[in-house]
Amino acid sequence: MRRDLFSLLWHWMGSAPDILFVAGSQVDLQWVLPAYERAVARGMRCAFAGPGLVVPDGACYVDITVHLLRFVRARIMVTATSGLTANRMPRGSVRRVAVPHSLVSLHMVYPAGTFDGYTDVFCCGEHHRAEIEAMNRHAGVTDRRPLLVGYGKFERLATTRPDGPPRTDGRMHVLIGPSWGAGNILEIMGGPLFARLLAEGYRVTLRPHPSFFIYGDAQITPLVHACRDHPLFTLENSVEESRALWDADMMIADYSGFAMEFAFIRERPVLYVDVPPKVLNPGWRELGPTPLELSVRERIGLVVPAELEDVVSGLRHLAHDPAQWAEQIRRERVRDWVNFGRFGEVCAGELSRMLNDRRQ
């Protein structure tokens, strides 16, 4: 509490920033960093706020809990942290911008009301714009704008690309990326799946959703203990590492947003195991749009039942000629991930327009 009060006092002694980038955790910060860098390059006065963040050198930073954000001054607030209610947002902010931290749907995977209180949503693709427009119609909201901006993950992940070509020993390298929550592929078929793939001679990397590492999960521990001494197995911490994104030949997933990132960045197909979808808003069907994570699977990969033989057969099918998927995946990316590789630039342009509108 003393740290929070000191940070607020220091903040109030200076001038208010133009743009306040808010993050509830270090993980949430990564999605807005490209926007921060381009906004600073354009001369906008920017600051960060959130608890215990490691921010870029020289950046203005208010080290406080999200419960005290309403006391921070800024013309525009930008955040990729979900679950911020309107009464927690800076009271003086004229624009309050939500930056999605995944390509997945906004109306099924997030609880109802997640985007209430925001004036703008920086959409990753056409599906997000359609979802926000549907939310607006359903709730009778007229002042929440869906803006096609893009997704900043590529610009961050590009900094982790290894200098040399992918390491290879002649084996197919399979990346397994389970989503967070009940019914994911680790829960449904984790142990037998790993045992079978390793026995088949695949090199296997497990890269769970960051929440597995942040909040802990009993599904990982037995798998790691069973496989940790196997020379073909690697556990990758998705909070800190991204090597497997660049090394893997194929990916096995359920409904994780990282599966789409893998497909769109590497232009390689994903093998989707057909487990129950992740639903945090049971009323999503009332809004209309089909969630992208349900509709995209057969356009960027194969969908197979949650049976070992089907998974192994699907991998063999994809391994036969993964490059044949590249053109189809690129066409899908144009619609689902707009301004690919240009998020920071486009985002900063939108923020600049918002500031100019306010000044006028």
Protein backbone atom coordinates (compact mmCIF):
# COMPACT_ATOMS: atom_id res chain seq x y z
CA MET A 1 0.00 0.00 0.00
CA ARG A 2 2.86 2.37 0.78
CA ARG A 3 4.36 1.68 -2.65
CA ASP A 4 1.02 2.45 -4.33
CA LEU A 5 0.59 5.75 -2.50
CA PHE A 6 4.16 6.83 -3.24
CA SER A 7 3.70 6.02 -6.95
CA LEU A 8 0.44 7.96 -7.08
CA LEU A 9 1.98 10.96 -5.33
CA TRP A 10 4.89 10.97 -7.77
CA HIS A 11 2.43 10.66 -10.67
CA TRP A 12 0.32 13.62 -9.51
CA MET A 13 3.41 15.82 -9.11
CA GLY A 14 4.05 15.64 -12.87
CA SER A 15 1.96 16.26 -15.95
CA ALA A 16 -0.59 13.71 -17.13
CA PRO A 17 0.54 11.47 -20.00
CA ASP A 18 -1.25 11.39 -23.33
CA ILE A 19 -1.43 7.58 -23.37
CA LEU A 20 -1.51 5.29 -20.35
CA PHE A 21 -0.71 1.64 -21.08
CA VAL A 22 -2.22 -0.50 -18.33
CA ALA A 23 -1.25 -4.12 -17.56
CA GLY A 24 -2.44 -6.30 -14.72
CA SER A 25 0.61 -8.55 -15.12
CA GLN A 26 3.86 -8.76 -17.06
CA VAL A 27 2.27 -11.20 -19.52
CA ASP A 28 -0.40 -8.64 -20.44
CA LEU A 29 2.25 -6.03 -21.19
CA GLN A 30 3.66 -7.81 -24.25
CA TRP A 31 0.61 -7.11 -26.43
CA VAL A 32 0.87 -3.32 -26.14
CA LEU A 33 4.64 -2.84 -26.34
CA PRO A 34 4.72 -2.41 -30.17
CA ALA A 35 2.08 0.31 -29.82
CA TYR A 36 4.06 2.02 -27.06
CA GLU A 37 7.24 2.04 -29.14
CA ARG A 38 5.56 3.60 -32.16
CA ALA A 39 3.58 6.10 -30.08
CA VAL A 40 6.77 7.33 -28.40
CA ALA A 41 8.44 7.60 -31.82
CA ARG A 42 5.55 9.86 -32.90
CA GLY A 43 6.15 12.15 -29.92
CA MET A 44 3.24 11.09 -27.73
CA ARG A 45 3.81 11.24 -23.98
CA CYS A 46 3.27 7.71 -22.72
CA ALA A 47 3.31 5.97 -19.35
CA PHE A 48 2.69 2.50 -17.92
CA ALA A 49 0.61 1.54 -14.90
CA GLY A 50 0.18 -1.78 -13.13
CA PRO A 51 1.68 -3.89 -10.35
CA GLY A 52 5.34 -4.94 -10.47
CA LEU A 53 5.92 -4.46 -14.19
CA VAL A 54 9.26 -4.47 -15.97
CA VAL A 55 8.87 -1.62 -18.43
CA PRO A 56 11.20 -0.34 -21.20
CA ASP A 57 14.21 1.68 -20.08
CA GLY A 58 13.36 5.31 -19.46
CA ALA A 59 9.60 4.77 -19.54
CA CYS A 60 7.35 6.61 -17.10
CA TYR A 61 5.81 4.05 -14.76
CA VAL A 62 3.17 4.15 -12.02
CA ASP A 63 3.64 1.02 -9.89
CA ILE A 64 0.17 0.40 -8.45
CA THR A 65 -2.50 -2.28 -8.23
CA VAL A 66 -5.36 -2.17 -10.74
CA HIS A 67 -7.71 -1.29 -7.85
CA LEU A 68 -6.20 2.22 -7.78
CA LEU A 69 -6.15 2.89 -11.51
CA ARG A 70 -9.11 5.25 -11.23
CA PHE A 71 -6.84 7.76 -9.50
CA VAL A 72 -4.32 7.86 -12.39
CA ARG A 73 -4.56 10.66 -14.94
CA ALA A 74 -4.36 10.10 -18.70
CA ARG A 75 -6.22 11.28 -21.78
CA ILE A 76 -6.32 7.78 -23.24
CA MET A 77 -6.07 4.41 -21.50
CA VAL A 78 -4.95 1.33 -23.47
CA THR A 79 -4.93 -2.18 -22.01
CA ALA A 80 -4.78 -5.85 -22.96
CA THR A 81 -5.82 -6.88 -19.45
CA SER A 82 -9.32 -8.33 -19.50
CA GLY A 83 -11.81 -7.95 -16.67
CA LEU A 84 -11.24 -4.27 -15.91
CA THR A 85 -14.58 -2.82 -14.92
CA ALA A 86 -15.54 0.78 -15.70
CA ASN A 87 -15.18 1.85 -12.06
CA ARG A 88 -11.54 0.76 -12.07
CA MET A 89 -10.53 2.70 -15.17
CA PRO A 90 -8.91 6.15 -14.96
CA ARG A 91 -11.76 8.56 -14.36
CA GLY A 92 -10.32 11.32 -16.51
CA SER A 93 -9.67 9.21 -19.62
CA VAL A 94 -11.71 10.38 -22.59
CA ARG A 95 -10.98 7.17 -24.56
CA ARG A 96 -10.63 3.72 -23.00
CA VAL A 97 -9.16 1.21 -25.45
CA ALA A 98 -9.27 -2.59 -25.21
CA VAL A 99 -6.53 -4.53 -27.03
CA PRO A 100 -7.46 -8.23 -27.39
CA HIS A 101 -4.71 -10.56 -26.21
CA SER A 102 -5.70 -13.38 -28.54
CA LEU A 103 -7.11 -13.95 -32.00
CA VAL A 104 -9.97 -16.03 -30.56
CA SER A 105 -13.53 -14.77 -30.26
CA LEU A 106 -14.49 -11.93 -27.92
CA HIS A 107 -18.08 -13.05 -27.33
CA MET A 108 -17.66 -16.74 -26.43
CA VAL A 109 -14.28 -17.04 -24.70
CA TYR A 110 -14.73 -13.92 -22.54
CA PRO A 111 -17.51 -13.55 -19.94
CA ALA A 112 -20.46 -11.35 -20.86
CA GLY A 113 -19.74 -7.70 -20.05
CA THR A 114 -15.93 -8.02 -20.39
CA PHE A 115 -15.82 -5.10 -22.84
CA ASP A 116 -18.33 -2.88 -21.08
CA GLY A 117 -16.83 0.46 -20.13
CA TYR A 118 -14.55 0.69 -23.16
CA THR A 119 -15.04 3.32 -25.83
CA ASP A 120 -12.90 1.52 -28.42
CA VAL A 121 -11.83 -2.05 -29.18
CA PHE A 122 -8.77 -2.51 -31.40
CA CYS A 123 -9.90 -5.55 -33.39
CA CYS A 124 -7.45 -8.18 -34.64
CA GLY A 125 -9.57 -9.05 -37.65
CA GLU A 126 -12.98 -8.91 -39.28
CA HIS A 127 -14.38 -11.48 -36.84
CA HIS A 128 -13.69 -9.20 -33.85
CA ARG A 129 -15.36 -6.26 -35.55
CA ALA A 130 -18.46 -8.36 -36.26
CA GLU A 131 -18.54 -9.56 -32.63
CA ILE A 132 -18.28 -6.06 -31.14
CA GLU A 133 -20.95 -4.77 -33.53
CA ALA A 134 -23.19 -7.67 -32.42
CA MET A 135 -22.54 -6.84 -28.74
CA ASN A 136 -23.40 -3.20 -29.41
CA ARG A 137 -26.69 -4.11 -31.09
CA HIS A 138 -27.61 -6.59 -28.37
CA ALA A 139 -26.94 -4.11 -25.55
CA GLY A 140 -28.14 -0.98 -27.36
CA VAL A 141 -24.66 0.56 -27.14
CA THR A 142 -23.86 3.31 -29.63
CA ASP A 143 -20.55 4.75 -28.39
CA ARG A 144 -18.23 1.69 -28.43
CA ARG A 145 -16.20 1.61 -31.63
CA PRO A 146 -14.67 -1.53 -33.18
CA LEU A 147 -11.54 -0.44 -35.06
CA LEU A 148 -9.62 -2.79 -37.38
CA VAL A 149 -6.08 -2.39 -36.11
CA GLY A 150 -4.42 -5.80 -35.95
CA TYR A 151 -2.56 -7.88 -33.41
CA GLY A 152 0.83 -7.09 -31.88
CA LYS A 153 2.01 -10.62 -31.16
CA PHE A 154 4.03 -11.08 -34.35
CA GLU A 155 6.12 -7.98 -33.72
CA ARG A 156 6.98 -9.28 -30.25
CA LEU A 157 7.56 -12.88 -31.35
CA ALA A 158 9.72 -11.74 -34.27
CA THR A 159 12.33 -10.62 -31.74
CA THR A 160 12.63 -14.24 -30.53
CA ARG A 161 13.29 -15.71 -33.99
CA PRO A 162 16.58 -17.68 -33.89
CA ASP A 163 19.34 -16.41 -36.14
CA GLY A 164 20.00 -19.75 -37.79
CA PRO A 165 17.72 -22.29 -39.46
CA PRO A 166 15.57 -24.55 -37.27
CA ARG A 167 17.57 -27.25 -35.51
CA THR A 168 16.86 -30.67 -36.94
CA ASP A 169 17.94 -34.26 -36.47
CA GLY A 170 15.75 -35.64 -39.22
CA ARG A 171 12.80 -36.18 -36.90
CA MET A 172 9.46 -34.42 -37.18
CA HIS A 173 9.11 -31.84 -34.42
CA VAL A 174 5.58 -31.58 -32.97
CA LEU A 175 4.53 -28.63 -30.82
CA ILE A 176 1.63 -29.31 -28.44
CA GLY A 177 -0.19 -26.18 -27.27
CA PRO A 178 -3.16 -26.87 -24.98
CA SER A 179 -5.57 -24.11 -24.03
CA TRP A 180 -6.33 -23.14 -20.44
CA GLY A 181 -9.38 -24.53 -18.70
CA ALA A 182 -11.37 -27.72 -18.40
CA GLY A 183 -11.54 -30.15 -21.30
CA ASN A 184 -8.20 -29.26 -22.93
CA ILE A 185 -6.09 -31.92 -24.67
CA LEU A 186 -3.89 -32.50 -21.63
CA GLU A 187 -6.93 -33.38 -19.55
CA ILE A 188 -8.58 -35.48 -22.25
CA MET A 189 -5.61 -37.50 -23.53
CA GLY A 190 -2.36 -36.01 -22.20
CA GLY A 191 -0.37 -38.98 -20.85
CA PRO A 192 -1.24 -41.55 -23.56
CA LEU A 193 -0.75 -38.94 -26.31
CA PHE A 194 2.77 -38.04 -25.18
CA ALA A 195 3.76 -41.69 -24.67
CA ARG A 196 2.55 -42.58 -28.17
CA LEU A 197 4.22 -39.66 -29.95
CA LEU A 198 7.55 -40.27 -28.24
CA ALA A 199 7.33 -43.98 -29.02
CA GLU A 200 6.66 -43.09 -32.66
CA GLY A 201 9.92 -41.13 -32.71
CA TYR A 202 8.54 -37.59 -32.87
CA ARG A 203 10.41 -34.80 -31.14
CA VAL A 204 7.78 -33.29 -28.84
CA THR A 205 7.59 -29.86 -27.21
CA LEU A 206 4.85 -29.08 -24.71
CA ARG A 207 4.04 -25.35 -24.61
CA PRO A 208 1.03 -24.84 -22.32
CA HIS A 209 -1.00 -21.63 -22.07
CA PRO A 210 0.71 -19.05 -19.78
CA SER A 211 -2.02 -19.53 -17.15
CA PHE A 212 -0.67 -23.03 -16.47
CA PHE A 213 2.54 -21.42 -15.21
CA ILE A 214 0.99 -18.36 -13.56
CA TYR A 215 -1.75 -20.14 -11.61
CA GLY A 216 -0.37 -23.68 -11.55
CA ASP A 217 -2.14 -26.79 -12.74
CA ALA A 218 -2.03 -30.42 -11.74
CA GLN A 219 -2.28 -31.53 -15.38
CA ILE A 220 1.32 -30.55 -16.18
CA THR A 221 3.19 -32.08 -13.24
CA PRO A 222 2.58 -35.80 -13.91
CA LEU A 223 3.29 -35.35 -17.62
CA VAL A 224 6.57 -33.60 -16.98
CA HIS A 225 7.62 -36.21 -14.42
CA ALA A 226 6.80 -39.00 -16.86
CA CYS A 227 8.60 -37.45 -19.83
CA ARG A 228 11.33 -35.21 -18.42
CA ASP A 229 14.15 -37.75 -18.90
CA HIS A 230 13.14 -38.61 -22.44
CA PRO A 231 15.66 -37.14 -24.91
CA LEU A 232 12.93 -36.17 -27.38
CA PHE A 233 10.76 -34.22 -24.89
CA THR A 234 10.94 -30.50 -24.06
CA LEU A 235 8.76 -28.37 -21.79
CA GLU A 236 8.64 -24.74 -22.92
CA ASN A 237 7.47 -21.98 -20.59
CA SER A 238 5.13 -19.87 -22.71
CA VAL A 239 5.63 -16.89 -20.40
CA GLU A 240 9.34 -16.73 -21.22
CA GLU A 241 10.11 -18.73 -24.37
CA SER A 242 8.98 -19.05 -27.98
CA ARG A 243 11.66 -21.19 -29.61
CA ALA A 244 9.30 -24.03 -30.56
CA LEU A 245 7.18 -21.61 -32.59
CA TRP A 246 10.09 -21.30 -35.02
CA ASP A 247 11.41 -24.88 -34.77
CA ALA A 248 8.30 -27.06 -34.92
CA ASP A 249 7.15 -28.72 -38.12
CA MET A 250 3.53 -29.11 -36.97
CA MET A 251 1.31 -28.27 -34.04
CA ILE A 252 -1.35 -30.16 -32.10
CA ALA A 253 -3.92 -27.98 -30.37
CA ASP A 254 -7.53 -27.73 -29.22
CA TYR A 255 -8.90 -24.16 -29.31
CA SER A 256 -5.91 -22.11 -28.22
CA GLY A 257 -5.24 -18.76 -29.86
CA PHE A 258 -1.57 -19.74 -30.10
CA ALA A 259 -2.54 -22.40 -32.66
CA MET A 260 -3.71 -19.64 -35.01
CA GLU A 261 -0.54 -17.67 -34.31
CA PHE A 262 1.55 -20.72 -35.24
CA ALA A 263 -0.39 -21.26 -38.47
CA PHE A 264 -0.36 -17.61 -39.54
CA ILE A 265 3.27 -16.90 -38.62
CA ARG A 266 4.81 -20.15 -39.87
CA GLU A 267 2.25 -20.76 -42.65
CA ARG A 268 2.04 -24.37 -41.52
CA PRO A 269 -1.07 -26.41 -40.65
CA VAL A 270 -2.42 -27.29 -37.22
CA LEU A 271 -3.84 -30.64 -36.15
CA TYR A 272 -6.92 -29.84 -34.07
CA VAL A 273 -8.13 -32.41 -31.56
CA ASP A 274 -11.90 -32.14 -31.31
CA VAL A 275 -12.48 -31.56 -27.60
CA PRO A 276 -15.27 -29.42 -26.09
CA PRO A 277 -14.83 -25.68 -26.85
CA LYS A 278 -14.00 -23.17 -24.17
CA VAL A 279 -17.18 -21.21 -23.35
CA LEU A 280 -17.19 -18.44 -20.72
CA ASN A 281 -20.28 -16.69 -22.08
CA PRO A 282 -23.12 -19.23 -22.34
CA GLY A 283 -25.27 -16.63 -24.12
CA TRP A 284 -22.90 -16.13 -27.05
CA ARG A 285 -25.34 -17.68 -29.57
CA GLU A 286 -27.78 -14.81 -28.98
CA LEU A 287 -25.22 -12.46 -30.52
CA GLY A 288 -24.95 -14.28 -33.84
CA PRO A 289 -21.37 -14.54 -35.16
CA THR A 290 -19.73 -17.96 -35.22
CA PRO A 291 -16.55 -17.86 -33.09
CA LEU A 292 -13.39 -17.95 -35.18
CA GLU A 293 -11.85 -20.78 -33.16
CA LEU A 294 -14.78 -22.97 -34.25
CA SER A 295 -14.87 -21.97 -37.92
CA VAL A 296 -11.17 -21.59 -38.77
CA ARG A 297 -9.94 -25.06 -37.87
CA GLU A 298 -10.64 -26.77 -41.18
CA ARG A 299 -9.26 -23.81 -43.14
CA ILE A 300 -5.82 -23.87 -41.50
CA GLY A 301 -5.52 -27.54 -40.59
CA LEU A 302 -7.24 -30.84 -39.90
CA VAL A 303 -9.77 -31.69 -37.19
CA VAL A 304 -9.59 -35.20 -35.71
CA PRO A 305 -11.43 -36.98 -32.88
CA ALA A 306 -9.75 -37.24 -29.49
CA GLU A 307 -8.45 -40.74 -30.20
CA LEU A 308 -4.78 -41.71 -30.37
CA GLU A 309 -5.00 -43.47 -33.72
CA ASP A 310 -6.76 -40.49 -35.28
CA VAL A 311 -4.14 -38.08 -33.95
CA VAL A 312 -1.22 -40.16 -35.22
CA SER A 313 -2.92 -40.65 -38.60
CA GLY A 314 -3.61 -36.91 -38.84
CA LEU A 315 0.03 -36.06 -38.14
CA ARG A 316 1.18 -38.43 -40.85
CA HIS A 317 -1.24 -36.84 -43.30
CA LEU A 318 -0.01 -33.31 -42.52
CA ALA A 319 3.64 -34.38 -42.57
CA HIS A 320 3.27 -35.64 -46.13
CA ASP A 321 3.20 -32.10 -47.58
CA PRO A 322 2.73 -29.28 -45.04
CA ALA A 323 3.80 -26.64 -47.59
CA GLN A 324 0.63 -27.19 -49.62
CA TRP A 325 -1.27 -25.33 -46.90
CA ALA A 326 0.75 -22.12 -47.13
CA GLU A 327 -1.33 -20.24 -49.71
CA GLN A 328 -4.63 -21.14 -48.08
CA ILE A 329 -3.33 -20.04 -44.66
CA ARG A 330 -2.13 -16.72 -46.09
CA ARG A 331 -5.59 -16.05 -47.56
CA GLU A 332 -7.18 -16.74 -44.19
CA ARG A 333 -4.68 -14.49 -42.42
CA VAL A 334 -5.65 -11.46 -44.50
CA ARG A 335 -9.12 -11.57 -42.96
CA ASP A 336 -8.40 -12.78 -39.41
CA TRP A 337 -5.15 -10.90 -38.67
CA VAL A 338 -5.22 -7.52 -40.39
CA ASN A 339 -2.14 -5.32 -40.75
CA PHE A 340 0.09 -8.35 -40.16
CA GLY A 341 3.43 -7.10 -38.79
CA ARG A 342 2.23 -3.47 -38.70
CA PHE A 343 0.19 -3.40 -35.48
CA GLY A 344 2.42 -0.89 -33.67
CA GLU A 345 2.36 1.58 -36.53
CA VAL A 346 -1.39 1.33 -37.15
CA CYS A 347 -2.21 1.41 -33.44
CA ALA A 348 -0.11 4.52 -32.88
CA GLY A 349 -1.87 6.18 -35.81
CA GLU A 350 -5.29 5.53 -34.24
CA LEU A 351 -4.10 6.84 -30.88
CA SER A 352 -2.75 9.97 -32.55
CA ARG A 353 -6.13 10.58 -34.21
CA MET A 354 -7.88 10.18 -30.86
CA LEU A 355 -5.57 12.77 -29.27
CA ASN A 356 -6.12 15.21 -32.12
CA ASP A 357 -9.89 14.78 -31.88
CA ARG A 358 -9.76 15.53 -28.15
CA ARG A 359 -7.59 18.63 -28.61
CA GLN A 360 -9.90 19.98 -31.29
